[in-house]
Amino acid sequence: MTEQELFEVLKTKQDTLEMSEDKFSTFDCFNDKYVIELKCRNTHYDDLLIEKPKYDALLSDGRIPIYCCSTPKGIYLFHLANLDIEWNESYANPKTTFFNNNNRVKKTVGYINVSNSINIKGW
């Protein structure tokens, strides 16, 4: 699944959603109520990674911060303000995913278990 396809799924539940036009924006889509970060993973993990700067930016916006991640096993939606995330320093992650910079850098990351997600059909 691509982020565009994931956006289209969300748009069936929240038809006022818009995609951010700025590829460097702190969120991928939004409306008056929500700011949403979209992630599409090709492999399923029960614990999904989120970076602390992304989390902080979403929470500081003033709208409801949502993290939505697709994996081969489903679509997982998290209300970030309702989660208690443990943060750790990690050198296991590439600097960027899409800009061909695979150098490993220190990042502050947390993991959110899919058991804390909301069933997207009920959103």
PDB file of N, CA and C in Angstrom:
ATOM      1  N   MET A   1       0.841  -1.173   0.000  1.00  0.00           N
ATOM      2  CA  MET A   1       0.000   0.000   0.000  1.00  0.00           C
ATOM      3  C   MET A   1       0.891   1.242   0.000  1.00  0.00           C
ATOM      4  N   THR A   2       0.492   2.243  -0.747  1.00  0.00           N
ATOM      5  CA  THR A   2       1.215   3.514  -0.774  1.00  0.00           C
ATOM      6  C   THR A   2       0.530   4.500   0.176  1.00  0.00           C
ATOM      7  N   GLU A   3       1.223   5.597   0.476  1.00  0.00           N
ATOM      8  CA  GLU A   3       0.613   6.619   1.324  1.00  0.00           C
ATOM      9  C   GLU A   3      -0.623   7.211   0.655  1.00  0.00           C
ATOM     10  N   GLN A   4      -0.598   7.346  -0.656  1.00  0.00           N
ATOM     11  CA  GLN A   4      -1.771   7.869  -1.370  1.00  0.00           C
ATOM     12  C   GLN A   4      -2.960   6.914  -1.201  1.00  0.00           C
ATOM     13  N   GLU A   5      -2.716   5.619  -1.310  1.00  0.00           N
ATOM     14  CA  GLU A   5      -3.790   4.635  -1.123  1.00  0.00           C
ATOM     15  C   GLU A   5      -4.301   4.660   0.324  1.00  0.00           C
ATOM     16  N   LEU A   6      -3.388   4.786   1.270  1.00  0.00           N
ATOM     17  CA  LEU A   6      -3.779   4.873   2.673  1.00  0.00           C
ATOM     18  C   LEU A   6      -4.618   6.134   2.905  1.00  0.00           C
ATOM     19  N   PHE A   7      -4.210   7.236   2.325  1.00  0.00           N
ATOM     20  CA  PHE A   7      -4.984   8.470   2.413  1.00  0.00           C
ATOM     21  C   PHE A   7      -6.400   8.262   1.872  1.00  0.00           C
ATOM     22  N   GLU A   8      -6.523   7.586   0.743  1.00  0.00           N
ATOM     23  CA  GLU A   8      -7.842   7.352   0.141  1.00  0.00           C
ATOM     24  C   GLU A   8      -8.735   6.526   1.071  1.00  0.00           C
ATOM     25  N   VAL A   9      -8.156   5.565   1.778  1.00  0.00           N
ATOM     26  CA  VAL A   9      -8.926   4.787   2.759  1.00  0.00           C
ATOM     27  C   VAL A   9      -9.420   5.702   3.872  1.00  0.00           C
ATOM     28  N   LEU A  10      -8.540   6.540   4.404  1.00  0.00           N
ATOM     29  CA  LEU A  10      -8.933   7.463   5.474  1.00  0.00           C
ATOM     30  C   LEU A  10      -9.991   8.447   5.002  1.00  0.00           C
ATOM     31  N   LYS A  11      -9.864   8.875   3.773  1.00  0.00           N
ATOM     32  CA  LYS A  11     -10.809   9.853   3.227  1.00  0.00           C
ATOM     33  C   LYS A  11     -12.226   9.279   3.151  1.00  0.00           C
ATOM     34  N   THR A  12     -12.374   7.977   3.050  1.00  0.00           N
ATOM     35  CA  THR A  12     -13.722   7.389   3.062  1.00  0.00           C
ATOM     36  C   THR A  12     -14.360   7.533   4.435  1.00  0.00           C
ATOM     37  N   LYS A  13     -13.539   7.714   5.484  1.00  0.00           N
ATOM     38  CA  LYS A  13     -14.049   7.885   6.852  1.00  0.00           C
ATOM     39  C   LYS A  13     -14.146   9.351   7.256  1.00  0.00           C
ATOM     40  N   GLN A  14     -13.266  10.186   6.708  1.00  0.00           N
ATOM     41  CA  GLN A  14     -13.219  11.626   6.993  1.00  0.00           C
ATOM     42  C   GLN A  14     -13.089  12.351   5.662  1.00  0.00           C
ATOM     43  N   ASP A  15     -14.203  12.633   5.022  1.00  0.00           N
ATOM     44  CA  ASP A  15     -14.149  13.159   3.653  1.00  0.00           C
ATOM     45  C   ASP A  15     -13.574  14.566   3.544  1.00  0.00           C
ATOM     46  N   THR A  16     -13.357  15.246   4.668  1.00  0.00           N
ATOM     47  CA  THR A  16     -12.782  16.591   4.611  1.00  0.00           C
ATOM     48  C   THR A  16     -11.254  16.570   4.661  1.00  0.00           C
ATOM     49  N   LEU A  17     -10.652  15.389   4.733  1.00  0.00           N
ATOM     50  CA  LEU A  17      -9.187  15.301   4.783  1.00  0.00           C
ATOM     51  C   LEU A  17      -8.552  15.836   3.505  1.00  0.00           C
ATOM     52  N   GLU A  18      -7.407  16.478   3.679  1.00  0.00           N
ATOM     53  CA  GLU A  18      -6.609  16.952   2.558  1.00  0.00           C
ATOM     54  C   GLU A  18      -5.178  16.455   2.734  1.00  0.00           C
ATOM     55  N   MET A  19      -4.523  16.184   1.628  1.00  0.00           N
ATOM     56  CA  MET A  19      -3.103  15.833   1.670  1.00  0.00           C
ATOM     57  C   MET A  19      -2.290  17.117   1.796  1.00  0.00           C
ATOM     58  N   SER A  20      -1.217  17.052   2.551  1.00  0.00           N
ATOM     59  CA  SER A  20      -0.294  18.184   2.636  1.00  0.00           C
ATOM     60  C   SER A  20       0.447  18.283   1.311  1.00  0.00           C
ATOM     61  N   GLU A  21       0.579  19.468   0.802  1.00  0.00           N
ATOM     62  CA  GLU A  21       1.274  19.676  -0.467  1.00  0.00           C
ATOM     63  C   GLU A  21       2.784  19.790  -0.266  1.00  0.00           C
ATOM     64  N   ASP A  22       3.206  20.043   0.970  1.00  0.00           N
ATOM     65  CA  ASP A  22       4.614  20.234   1.302  1.00  0.00           C
ATOM     66  C   ASP A  22       5.217  18.891   1.720  1.00  0.00           C
ATOM     67  N   LYS A  23       6.152  18.357   0.919  1.00  0.00           N
ATOM     68  CA  LYS A  23       6.720  17.052   1.250  1.00  0.00           C
ATOM     69  C   LYS A  23       7.578  17.083   2.512  1.00  0.00           C
ATOM     70  N   PHE A  24       7.899  18.261   3.028  1.00  0.00           N
ATOM     71  CA  PHE A  24       8.665  18.386   4.264  1.00  0.00           C
ATOM     72  C   PHE A  24       7.774  18.762   5.452  1.00  0.00           C
ATOM     73  N   SER A  25       6.460  18.706   5.258  1.00  0.00           N
ATOM     74  CA  SER A  25       5.520  19.026   6.323  1.00  0.00           C
ATOM     75  C   SER A  25       5.668  18.037   7.478  1.00  0.00           C
ATOM     76  N   THR A  26       5.272  18.473   8.677  1.00  0.00           N
ATOM     77  CA  THR A  26       5.344  17.589   9.840  1.00  0.00           C
ATOM     78  C   THR A  26       4.186  16.605   9.879  1.00  0.00           C
ATOM     79  N   PHE A  27       3.267  16.694   8.927  1.00  0.00           N
ATOM     80  CA  PHE A  27       2.183  15.719   8.822  1.00  0.00           C
ATOM     81  C   PHE A  27       1.845  15.505   7.354  1.00  0.00           C
ATOM     82  N   ASP A  28       1.187  14.373   7.080  1.00  0.00           N
ATOM     83  CA  ASP A  28       0.879  14.015   5.692  1.00  0.00           C
ATOM     84  C   ASP A  28      -0.497  14.464   5.244  1.00  0.00           C
ATOM     85  N   CYS A  29      -1.468  14.441   6.162  1.00  0.00           N
ATOM     86  CA  CYS A  29      -2.801  14.900   5.805  1.00  0.00           C
ATOM     87  C   CYS A  29      -3.463  15.533   7.029  1.00  0.00           C
ATOM     88  N   PHE A  30      -4.570  16.233   6.775  1.00  0.00           N
ATOM     89  CA  PHE A  30      -5.168  17.036   7.838  1.00  0.00           C
ATOM     90  C   PHE A  30      -6.588  17.442   7.466  1.00  0.00           C
ATOM     91  N   ASN A  31      -7.314  17.902   8.464  1.00  0.00           N
ATOM     92  CA  ASN A  31      -8.535  18.668   8.297  1.00  0.00           C
ATOM     93  C   ASN A  31      -8.635  19.590   9.510  1.00  0.00           C
ATOM     94  N   ASP A  32      -9.786  20.179   9.753  1.00  0.00           N
ATOM     95  CA  ASP A  32      -9.911  21.102  10.881  1.00  0.00           C
ATOM     96  C   ASP A  32      -9.712  20.410  12.222  1.00  0.00           C
ATOM     97  N   LYS A  33      -9.954  19.111  12.290  1.00  0.00           N
ATOM     98  CA  LYS A  33      -9.913  18.370  13.547  1.00  0.00           C
ATOM     99  C   LYS A  33      -8.624  17.581  13.765  1.00  0.00           C
ATOM    100  N   TYR A  34      -8.053  17.022  12.699  1.00  0.00           N
ATOM    101  CA  TYR A  34      -6.931  16.088  12.802  1.00  0.00           C
ATOM    102  C   TYR A  34      -5.696  16.544  12.037  1.00  0.00           C
ATOM    103  N   VAL A  35      -4.519  16.144  12.547  1.00  0.00           N
ATOM    104  CA  VAL A  35      -3.275  16.122  11.769  1.00  0.00           C
ATOM    105  C   VAL A  35      -2.817  14.669  11.807  1.00  0.00           C
ATOM    106  N   ILE A  36      -2.441  14.151  10.659  1.00  0.00           N
ATOM    107  CA  ILE A  36      -2.200  12.708  10.540  1.00  0.00           C
ATOM    108  C   ILE A  36      -0.872  12.442   9.854  1.00  0.00           C
ATOM    109  N   GLU A  37      -0.083  11.587  10.478  1.00  0.00           N
ATOM    110  CA  GLU A  37       1.147  11.073   9.874  1.00  0.00           C
ATOM    111  C   GLU A  37       0.824   9.699   9.300  1.00  0.00           C
ATOM    112  N   LEU A  38       1.157   9.480   8.044  1.00  0.00           N
ATOM    113  CA  LEU A  38       0.920   8.210   7.372  1.00  0.00           C
ATOM    114  C   LEU A  38       2.229   7.462   7.213  1.00  0.00           C
ATOM    115  N   LYS A  39       2.221   6.170   7.503  1.00  0.00           N
ATOM    116  CA  LYS A  39       3.374   5.309   7.256  1.00  0.00           C
ATOM    117  C   LYS A  39       2.875   4.014   6.643  1.00  0.00           C
ATOM    118  N   CYS A  40       3.588   3.544   5.648  1.00  0.00           N
ATOM    119  CA  CYS A  40       3.259   2.279   4.996  1.00  0.00           C
ATOM    120  C   CYS A  40       4.461   1.365   5.119  1.00  0.00           C
ATOM    121  N   ARG A  41       4.264   0.243   5.761  1.00  0.00           N
ATOM    122  CA  ARG A  41       5.339  -0.719   5.991  1.00  0.00           C
ATOM    123  C   ARG A  41       5.100  -1.959   5.129  1.00  0.00           C
ATOM    124  N   ASN A  42       6.159  -2.461   4.523  1.00  0.00           N
ATOM    125  CA  ASN A  42       6.062  -3.675   3.707  1.00  0.00           C
ATOM    126  C   ASN A  42       6.123  -4.943   4.546  1.00  0.00           C
ATOM    127  N   THR A  43       6.544  -4.796   5.792  1.00  0.00           N
ATOM    128  CA  THR A  43       6.640  -5.917   6.727  1.00  0.00           C
ATOM    129  C   THR A  43       5.796  -5.587   7.947  1.00  0.00           C
ATOM    130  N   HIS A  44       5.117  -6.584   8.489  1.00  0.00           N
ATOM    131  CA  HIS A  44       4.317  -6.353   9.688  1.00  0.00           C
ATOM    132  C   HIS A  44       5.189  -6.492  10.933  1.00  0.00           C
ATOM    133  N   TYR A  45       5.039  -5.530  11.820  1.00  0.00           N
ATOM    134  CA  TYR A  45       5.634  -5.586  13.154  1.00  0.00           C
ATOM    135  C   TYR A  45       4.520  -5.276  14.141  1.00  0.00           C
ATOM    136  N   ASP A  46       4.461  -6.005  15.244  1.00  0.00           N
ATOM    137  CA  ASP A  46       3.467  -5.705  16.272  1.00  0.00           C
ATOM    138  C   ASP A  46       3.767  -4.378  16.960  1.00  0.00           C
ATOM    139  N   ASP A  47       5.041  -4.010  17.030  1.00  0.00           N
ATOM    140  CA  ASP A  47       5.454  -2.731  17.607  1.00  0.00           C
ATOM    141  C   ASP A  47       5.915  -1.823  16.480  1.00  0.00           C
ATOM    142  N   LEU A  48       5.179  -0.744  16.260  1.00  0.00           N
ATOM    143  CA  LEU A  48       5.450   0.170  15.158  1.00  0.00           C
ATOM    144  C   LEU A  48       6.239   1.377  15.646  1.00  0.00           C
ATOM    145  N   LEU A  49       7.257   1.733  14.903  1.00  0.00           N
ATOM    146  CA  LEU A  49       8.178   2.801  15.266  1.00  0.00           C
ATOM    147  C   LEU A  49       7.604   4.179  14.935  1.00  0.00           C
ATOM    148  N   ILE A  50       7.839   5.124  15.856  1.00  0.00           N
ATOM    149  CA  ILE A  50       7.558   6.527  15.595  1.00  0.00           C
ATOM    150  C   ILE A  50       8.732   7.335  16.140  1.00  0.00           C
ATOM    151  N   GLU A  51       9.137   8.343  15.398  1.00  0.00           N
ATOM    152  CA  GLU A  51      10.244   9.189  15.830  1.00  0.00           C
ATOM    153  C   GLU A  51       9.719  10.300  16.747  1.00  0.00           C
ATOM    154  N   LYS A  52      10.503  10.614  17.762  1.00  0.00           N
ATOM    155  CA  LYS A  52      10.105  11.608  18.765  1.00  0.00           C
ATOM    156  C   LYS A  52       9.868  12.993  18.153  1.00  0.00           C
ATOM    157  N   PRO A  53      10.729  13.488  17.272  1.00  0.00           N
ATOM    158  CA  PRO A  53      10.438  14.814  16.684  1.00  0.00           C
ATOM    159  C   PRO A  53       9.109  14.841  15.923  1.00  0.00           C
ATOM    160  N   LYS A  54       8.774  13.758  15.250  1.00  0.00           N
ATOM    161  CA  LYS A  54       7.500  13.682  14.536  1.00  0.00           C
ATOM    162  C   LYS A  54       6.345  13.710  15.530  1.00  0.00           C
ATOM    163  N   TYR A  55       6.465  12.916  16.594  1.00  0.00           N
ATOM    164  CA  TYR A  55       5.459  12.872  17.654  1.00  0.00           C
ATOM    165  C   TYR A  55       5.260  14.268  18.248  1.00  0.00           C
ATOM    166  N   ASP A  56       6.350  14.929  18.601  1.00  0.00           N
ATOM    167  CA  ASP A  56       6.276  16.262  19.208  1.00  0.00           C
ATOM    168  C   ASP A  56       5.608  17.267  18.264  1.00  0.00           C
ATOM    169  N   ALA A  57       5.962  17.215  16.995  1.00  0.00           N
ATOM    170  CA  ALA A  57       5.385  18.146  16.022  1.00  0.00           C
ATOM    171  C   ALA A  57       3.881  17.923  15.876  1.00  0.00           C
ATOM    172  N   LEU A  58       3.469  16.677  15.830  1.00  0.00           N
ATOM    173  CA  LEU A  58       2.042  16.384  15.714  1.00  0.00           C
ATOM    174  C   LEU A  58       1.278  16.868  16.940  1.00  0.00           C
ATOM    175  N   LEU A  59       1.831  16.641  18.134  1.00  0.00           N
ATOM    176  CA  LEU A  59       1.161  17.062  19.355  1.00  0.00           C
ATOM    177  C   LEU A  59       1.124  18.582  19.506  1.00  0.00           C
ATOM    178  N   SER A  60       2.086  19.279  18.957  1.00  0.00           N
ATOM    179  CA  SER A  60       2.148  20.730  19.134  1.00  0.00           C
ATOM    180  C   SER A  60       1.236  21.492  18.181  1.00  0.00           C
ATOM    181  N   ASP A  61       0.608  20.818  17.245  1.00  0.00           N
ATOM    182  CA  ASP A  61      -0.196  21.484  16.223  1.00  0.00           C
ATOM    183  C   ASP A  61      -1.500  22.068  16.766  1.00  0.00           C
ATOM    184  N   GLY A  62      -2.060  21.465  17.810  1.00  0.00           N
ATOM    185  CA  GLY A  62      -3.329  21.945  18.357  1.00  0.00           C
ATOM    186  C   GLY A  62      -4.540  21.145  17.909  1.00  0.00           C
ATOM    187  N   ARG A  63      -4.382  20.360  16.868  1.00  0.00           N
ATOM    188  CA  ARG A  63      -5.458  19.463  16.436  1.00  0.00           C
ATOM    189  C   ARG A  63      -5.181  18.078  17.012  1.00  0.00           C
ATOM    190  N   ILE A  64      -6.099  17.148  16.819  1.00  0.00           N
ATOM    191  CA  ILE A  64      -5.923  15.789  17.325  1.00  0.00           C
ATOM    192  C   ILE A  64      -4.830  15.102  16.514  1.00  0.00           C
ATOM    193  N   PRO A  65      -3.742  14.659  17.183  1.00  0.00           N
ATOM    194  CA  PRO A  65      -2.631  14.025  16.468  1.00  0.00           C
ATOM    195  C   PRO A  65      -2.881  12.531  16.258  1.00  0.00           C
ATOM    196  N   ILE A  66      -2.799  12.126  15.002  1.00  0.00           N
ATOM    197  CA  ILE A  66      -3.055  10.730  14.629  1.00  0.00           C
ATOM    198  C   ILE A  66      -1.826  10.171  13.918  1.00  0.00           C
ATOM    199  N   TYR A  67      -1.480   8.937  14.266  1.00  0.00           N
ATOM    200  CA  TYR A  67      -0.441   8.191  13.557  1.00  0.00           C
ATOM    201  C   TYR A  67      -1.150   7.006  12.923  1.00  0.00           C
ATOM    202  N   CYS A  68      -1.058   6.881  11.617  1.00  0.00           N
ATOM    203  CA  CYS A  68      -1.748   5.809  10.894  1.00  0.00           C
ATOM    204  C   CYS A  68      -0.723   5.023  10.091  1.00  0.00           C
ATOM    205  N   CYS A  69      -0.646   3.743  10.364  1.00  0.00           N
ATOM    206  CA  CYS A  69       0.363   2.898   9.741  1.00  0.00           C
ATOM    207  C   CYS A  69      -0.290   1.669   9.117  1.00  0.00           C
ATOM    208  N   SER A  70       0.054   1.409   7.871  1.00  0.00           N
ATOM    209  CA  SER A  70      -0.419   0.189   7.221  1.00  0.00           C
ATOM    210  C   SER A  70       0.715  -0.828   7.181  1.00  0.00           C
ATOM    211  N   THR A  71       0.351  -2.079   7.349  1.00  0.00           N
ATOM    212  CA  THR A  71       1.268  -3.206   7.179  1.00  0.00           C
ATOM    213  C   THR A  71       0.515  -4.264   6.382  1.00  0.00           C
ATOM    214  N   PRO A  72       1.168  -5.341   5.991  1.00  0.00           N
ATOM    215  CA  PRO A  72       0.445  -6.396   5.275  1.00  0.00           C
ATOM    216  C   PRO A  72      -0.709  -7.010   6.074  1.00  0.00           C
ATOM    217  N   LYS A  73      -0.736  -6.796   7.391  1.00  0.00           N
ATOM    218  CA  LYS A  73      -1.801  -7.373   8.216  1.00  0.00           C
ATOM    219  C   LYS A  73      -2.934  -6.405   8.530  1.00  0.00           C
ATOM    220  N   GLY A  74      -2.820  -5.146   8.124  1.00  0.00           N
ATOM    221  CA  GLY A  74      -3.916  -4.227   8.396  1.00  0.00           C
ATOM    222  C   GLY A  74      -3.498  -2.779   8.450  1.00  0.00           C
ATOM    223  N   ILE A  75      -4.454  -1.957   8.854  1.00  0.00           N
ATOM    224  CA  ILE A  75      -4.244  -0.520   9.015  1.00  0.00           C
ATOM    225  C   ILE A  75      -4.466  -0.197  10.480  1.00  0.00           C
ATOM    226  N   TYR A  76      -3.480   0.450  11.077  1.00  0.00           N
ATOM    227  CA  TYR A  76      -3.492   0.725  12.509  1.00  0.00           C
ATOM    228  C   TYR A  76      -3.487   2.227  12.731  1.00  0.00           C
ATOM    229  N   LEU A  77      -4.478   2.706  13.484  1.00  0.00           N
ATOM    230  CA  LEU A  77      -4.637   4.122  13.722  1.00  0.00           C
ATOM    231  C   LEU A  77      -4.488   4.392  15.220  1.00  0.00           C
ATOM    232  N   PHE A  78      -3.654   5.359  15.566  1.00  0.00           N
ATOM    233  CA  PHE A  78      -3.355   5.656  16.963  1.00  0.00           C
ATOM    234  C   PHE A  78      -3.642   7.126  17.262  1.00  0.00           C
ATOM    235  N   HIS A  79      -4.368   7.381  18.350  1.00  0.00           N
ATOM    236  CA  HIS A  79      -4.534   8.734  18.887  1.00  0.00           C
ATOM    237  C   HIS A  79      -3.317   8.974  19.773  1.00  0.00           C
ATOM    238  N   LEU A  80      -2.348   9.709  19.283  1.00  0.00           N
ATOM    239  CA  LEU A  80      -1.067   9.857  19.981  1.00  0.00           C
ATOM    240  C   LEU A  80      -1.194  10.488  21.362  1.00  0.00           C
ATOM    241  N   ALA A  81      -2.121  11.406  21.540  1.00  0.00           N
ATOM    242  CA  ALA A  81      -2.252  12.081  22.837  1.00  0.00           C
ATOM    243  C   ALA A  81      -2.694  11.112  23.934  1.00  0.00           C
ATOM    244  N   ASN A  82      -3.248   9.975  23.560  1.00  0.00           N
ATOM    245  CA  ASN A  82      -3.735   8.996  24.537  1.00  0.00           C
ATOM    246  C   ASN A  82      -2.699   7.937  24.888  1.00  0.00           C
ATOM    247  N   LEU A  83      -1.493   8.023  24.319  1.00  0.00           N
ATOM    248  CA  LEU A  83      -0.496   6.976  24.508  1.00  0.00           C
ATOM    249  C   LEU A  83       0.642   7.434  25.409  1.00  0.00           C
ATOM    250  N   ASP A  84       1.154   6.503  26.186  1.00  0.00           N
ATOM    251  CA  ASP A  84       2.353   6.740  26.990  1.00  0.00           C
ATOM    252  C   ASP A  84       3.487   5.978  26.302  1.00  0.00           C
ATOM    253  N   ILE A  85       4.340   6.703  25.608  1.00  0.00           N
ATOM    254  CA  ILE A  85       5.385   6.083  24.801  1.00  0.00           C
ATOM    255  C   ILE A  85       6.720   6.180  25.528  1.00  0.00           C
ATOM    256  N   GLU A  86       7.442   5.077  25.565  1.00  0.00           N
ATOM    257  CA  GLU A  86       8.792   5.065  26.134  1.00  0.00           C
ATOM    258  C   GLU A  86       9.772   5.379  25.004  1.00  0.00           C
ATOM    259  N   TRP A  87      10.608   6.392  25.221  1.00  0.00           N
ATOM    260  CA  TRP A  87      11.537   6.855  24.179  1.00  0.00           C
ATOM    261  C   TRP A  87      12.931   6.306  24.427  1.00  0.00           C
ATOM    262  N   ASN A  88      13.607   5.930  23.351  1.00  0.00           N
ATOM    263  CA  ASN A  88      14.957   5.386  23.416  1.00  0.00           C
ATOM    264  C   ASN A  88      15.798   5.972  22.295  1.00  0.00           C
ATOM    265  N   GLU A  89      17.100   6.042  22.523  1.00  0.00           N
ATOM    266  CA  GLU A  89      18.039   6.453  21.480  1.00  0.00           C
ATOM    267  C   GLU A  89      18.395   5.226  20.655  1.00  0.00           C
ATOM    268  N   SER A  90      18.403   5.375  19.344  1.00  0.00           N
ATOM    269  CA  SER A  90      18.688   4.254  18.457  1.00  0.00           C
ATOM    270  C   SER A  90      19.591   4.707  17.316  1.00  0.00           C
ATOM    271  N   TYR A  91      20.540   3.845  16.969  1.00  0.00           N
ATOM    272  CA  TYR A  91      21.389   4.075  15.792  1.00  0.00           C
ATOM    273  C   TYR A  91      21.039   3.101  14.665  1.00  0.00           C
ATOM    274  N   ALA A  92      19.928   2.409  14.795  1.00  0.00           N
ATOM    275  CA  ALA A  92      19.567   1.355  13.845  1.00  0.00           C
ATOM    276  C   ALA A  92      18.806   1.867  12.633  1.00  0.00           C
ATOM    277  N   ASN A  93      18.500   3.146  12.601  1.00  0.00           N
ATOM    278  CA  ASN A  93      17.635   3.662  11.549  1.00  0.00           C
ATOM    279  C   ASN A  93      18.403   4.515  10.544  1.00  0.00           C
ATOM    280  N   PRO A  94      18.013   4.425   9.258  1.00  0.00           N
ATOM    281  CA  PRO A  94      18.653   5.287   8.257  1.00  0.00           C
ATOM    282  C   PRO A  94      18.232   6.737   8.448  1.00  0.00           C
ATOM    283  N   LYS A  95      19.059   7.652   7.979  1.00  0.00           N
ATOM    284  CA  LYS A  95      18.746   9.075   8.095  1.00  0.00           C
ATOM    285  C   LYS A  95      17.423   9.395   7.413  1.00  0.00           C
ATOM    286  N   THR A  96      17.234   8.890   6.197  1.00  0.00           N
ATOM    287  CA  THR A  96      15.974   9.074   5.483  1.00  0.00           C
ATOM    288  C   THR A  96      15.592   7.768   4.810  1.00  0.00           C
ATOM    289  N   THR A  97      14.324   7.660   4.467  1.00  0.00           N
ATOM    290  CA  THR A  97      13.838   6.462   3.790  1.00  0.00           C
ATOM    291  C   THR A  97      13.768   6.660   2.286  1.00  0.00           C
ATOM    292  N   PHE A  98      13.306   7.841   1.874  1.00  0.00           N
ATOM    293  CA  PHE A  98      13.005   8.045   0.458  1.00  0.00           C
ATOM    294  C   PHE A  98      14.013   8.885  -0.293  1.00  0.00           C
ATOM    295  N   PHE A  99      15.017   9.426   0.389  1.00  0.00           N
ATOM    296  CA  PHE A  99      15.945  10.310  -0.301  1.00  0.00           C
ATOM    297  C   PHE A  99      17.328   9.693  -0.466  1.00  0.00           C
ATOM    298  N   ASN A 100      17.391   8.380  -0.478  1.00  0.00           N
ATOM    299  CA  ASN A 100      18.616   7.634  -0.748  1.00  0.00           C
ATOM    300  C   ASN A 100      19.766   7.964   0.194  1.00  0.00           C
ATOM    301  N   ASN A 101      19.476   8.281   1.432  1.00  0.00           N
ATOM    302  CA  ASN A 101      20.517   8.481   2.425  1.00  0.00           C
ATOM    303  C   ASN A 101      20.332   7.410   3.487  1.00  0.00           C
ATOM    304  N   ASN A 102      21.039   6.304   3.320  1.00  0.00           N
ATOM    305  CA  ASN A 102      20.900   5.165   4.221  1.00  0.00           C
ATOM    306  C   ASN A 102      21.931   5.172   5.343  1.00  0.00           C
ATOM    307  N   ASN A 103      22.668   6.287   5.504  1.00  0.00           N
ATOM    308  CA  ASN A 103      23.605   6.382   6.613  1.00  0.00           C
ATOM    309  C   ASN A 103      22.843   6.265   7.923  1.00  0.00           C
ATOM    310  N   ARG A 104      23.385   5.514   8.856  1.00  0.00           N
ATOM    311  CA  ARG A 104      22.749   5.339  10.165  1.00  0.00           C
ATOM    312  C   ARG A 104      23.048   6.546  11.042  1.00  0.00           C
ATOM    313  N   VAL A 105      22.009   7.069  11.669  1.00  0.00           N
ATOM    314  CA  VAL A 105      22.151   8.219  12.548  1.00  0.00           C
ATOM    315  C   VAL A 105      21.393   7.956  13.847  1.00  0.00           C
ATOM    316  N   LYS A 106      21.774   8.690  14.883  1.00  0.00           N
ATOM    317  CA  LYS A 106      21.085   8.553  16.165  1.00  0.00           C
ATOM    318  C   LYS A 106      19.716   9.220  16.067  1.00  0.00           C
ATOM    319  N   LYS A 107      18.687   8.490  16.467  1.00  0.00           N
ATOM    320  CA  LYS A 107      17.336   9.016  16.491  1.00  0.00           C
ATOM    321  C   LYS A 107      16.691   8.630  17.816  1.00  0.00           C
ATOM    322  N   THR A 108      15.825   9.497  18.296  1.00  0.00           N
ATOM    323  CA  THR A 108      15.013   9.164  19.456  1.00  0.00           C
ATOM    324  C   THR A 108      13.709   8.586  18.925  1.00  0.00           C
ATOM    325  N   VAL A 109      13.446   7.341  19.293  1.00  0.00           N
ATOM    326  CA  VAL A 109      12.289   6.627  18.760  1.00  0.00           C
ATOM    327  C   VAL A 109      11.505   5.957  19.882  1.00  0.00           C
ATOM    328  N   GLY A 110      10.260   5.692  19.577  1.00  0.00           N
ATOM    329  CA  GLY A 110       9.400   4.929  20.463  1.00  0.00           C
ATOM    330  C   GLY A 110       8.660   3.888  19.644  1.00  0.00           C
ATOM    331  N   TYR A 111       8.096   2.933  20.329  1.00  0.00           N
ATOM    332  CA  TYR A 111       7.350   1.869  19.660  1.00  0.00           C
ATOM    333  C   TYR A 111       5.943   1.824  20.222  1.00  0.00           C
ATOM    334  N   ILE A 112       4.978   1.686  19.322  1.00  0.00           N
ATOM    335  CA  ILE A 112       3.575   1.628  19.692  1.00  0.00           C
ATOM    336  C   ILE A 112       3.048   0.264  19.275  1.00  0.00           C
ATOM    337  N   ASN A 113       2.531  -0.490  20.231  1.00  0.00           N
ATOM    338  CA  ASN A 113       2.014  -1.818  19.919  1.00  0.00           C
ATOM    339  C   ASN A 113       0.663  -1.707  19.218  1.00  0.00           C
ATOM    340  N   VAL A 114       0.464  -2.555  18.220  1.00  0.00           N
ATOM    341  CA  VAL A 114      -0.783  -2.513  17.448  1.00  0.00           C
ATOM    342  C   VAL A 114      -2.009  -2.780  18.323  1.00  0.00           C
ATOM    343  N   SER A 115      -1.818  -3.388  19.494  1.00  0.00           N
ATOM    344  CA  SER A 115      -2.950  -3.604  20.402  1.00  0.00           C
ATOM    345  C   SER A 115      -3.513  -2.278  20.922  1.00  0.00           C
ATOM    346  N   ASN A 116      -2.743  -1.188  20.787  1.00  0.00           N
ATOM    347  CA  ASN A 116      -3.204   0.148  21.195  1.00  0.00           C
ATOM    348  C   ASN A 116      -3.861   0.913  20.054  1.00  0.00           C
ATOM    349  N   SER A 117      -4.071   0.254  18.936  1.00  0.00           N
ATOM    350  CA  SER A 117      -4.633   0.947  17.772  1.00  0.00           C
ATOM    351  C   SER A 117      -6.157   0.919  17.802  1.00  0.00           C
ATOM    352  N   ILE A 118      -6.710   1.772  16.957  1.00  0.00           N
ATOM    353  CA  ILE A 118      -8.155   1.848  16.771  1.00  0.00           C
ATOM    354  C   ILE A 118      -8.472   1.134  15.471  1.00  0.00           C
ATOM    355  N   ASN A 119      -9.545   0.357  15.497  1.00  0.00           N
ATOM    356  CA  ASN A 119     -10.013  -0.295  14.279  1.00  0.00           C
ATOM    357  C   ASN A 119     -10.444   0.793  13.313  1.00  0.00           C
ATOM    358  N   ILE A 120      -9.796   0.843  12.187  1.00  0.00           N
ATOM    359  CA  ILE A 120     -10.055   1.929  11.225  1.00  0.00           C
ATOM    360  C   ILE A 120     -11.491   1.955  10.754  1.00  0.00           C
ATOM    361  N   LYS A 121     -12.158   0.818  10.768  1.00  0.00           N
ATOM    362  CA  LYS A 121     -13.554   0.784  10.321  1.00  0.00           C
ATOM    363  C   LYS A 121     -14.464   1.544  11.278  1.00  0.00           C
ATOM    364  N   GLY A 122     -14.044   1.666  12.529  1.00  0.00           N
ATOM    365  CA  GLY A 122     -14.861   2.364  13.508  1.00  0.00           C
ATOM    366  C   GLY A 122     -14.493   3.821  13.687  1.00  0.00           C
ATOM    367  N   TRP A 123     -13.520   4.299  12.917  1.00  0.00           N
ATOM    368  CA  TRP A 123     -13.066   5.682  13.074  1.00  0.00           C
ATOM    369  C   TRP A 123     -13.956   6.633  12.337  1.00  0.00           C
TER     370      TRP A 123
END
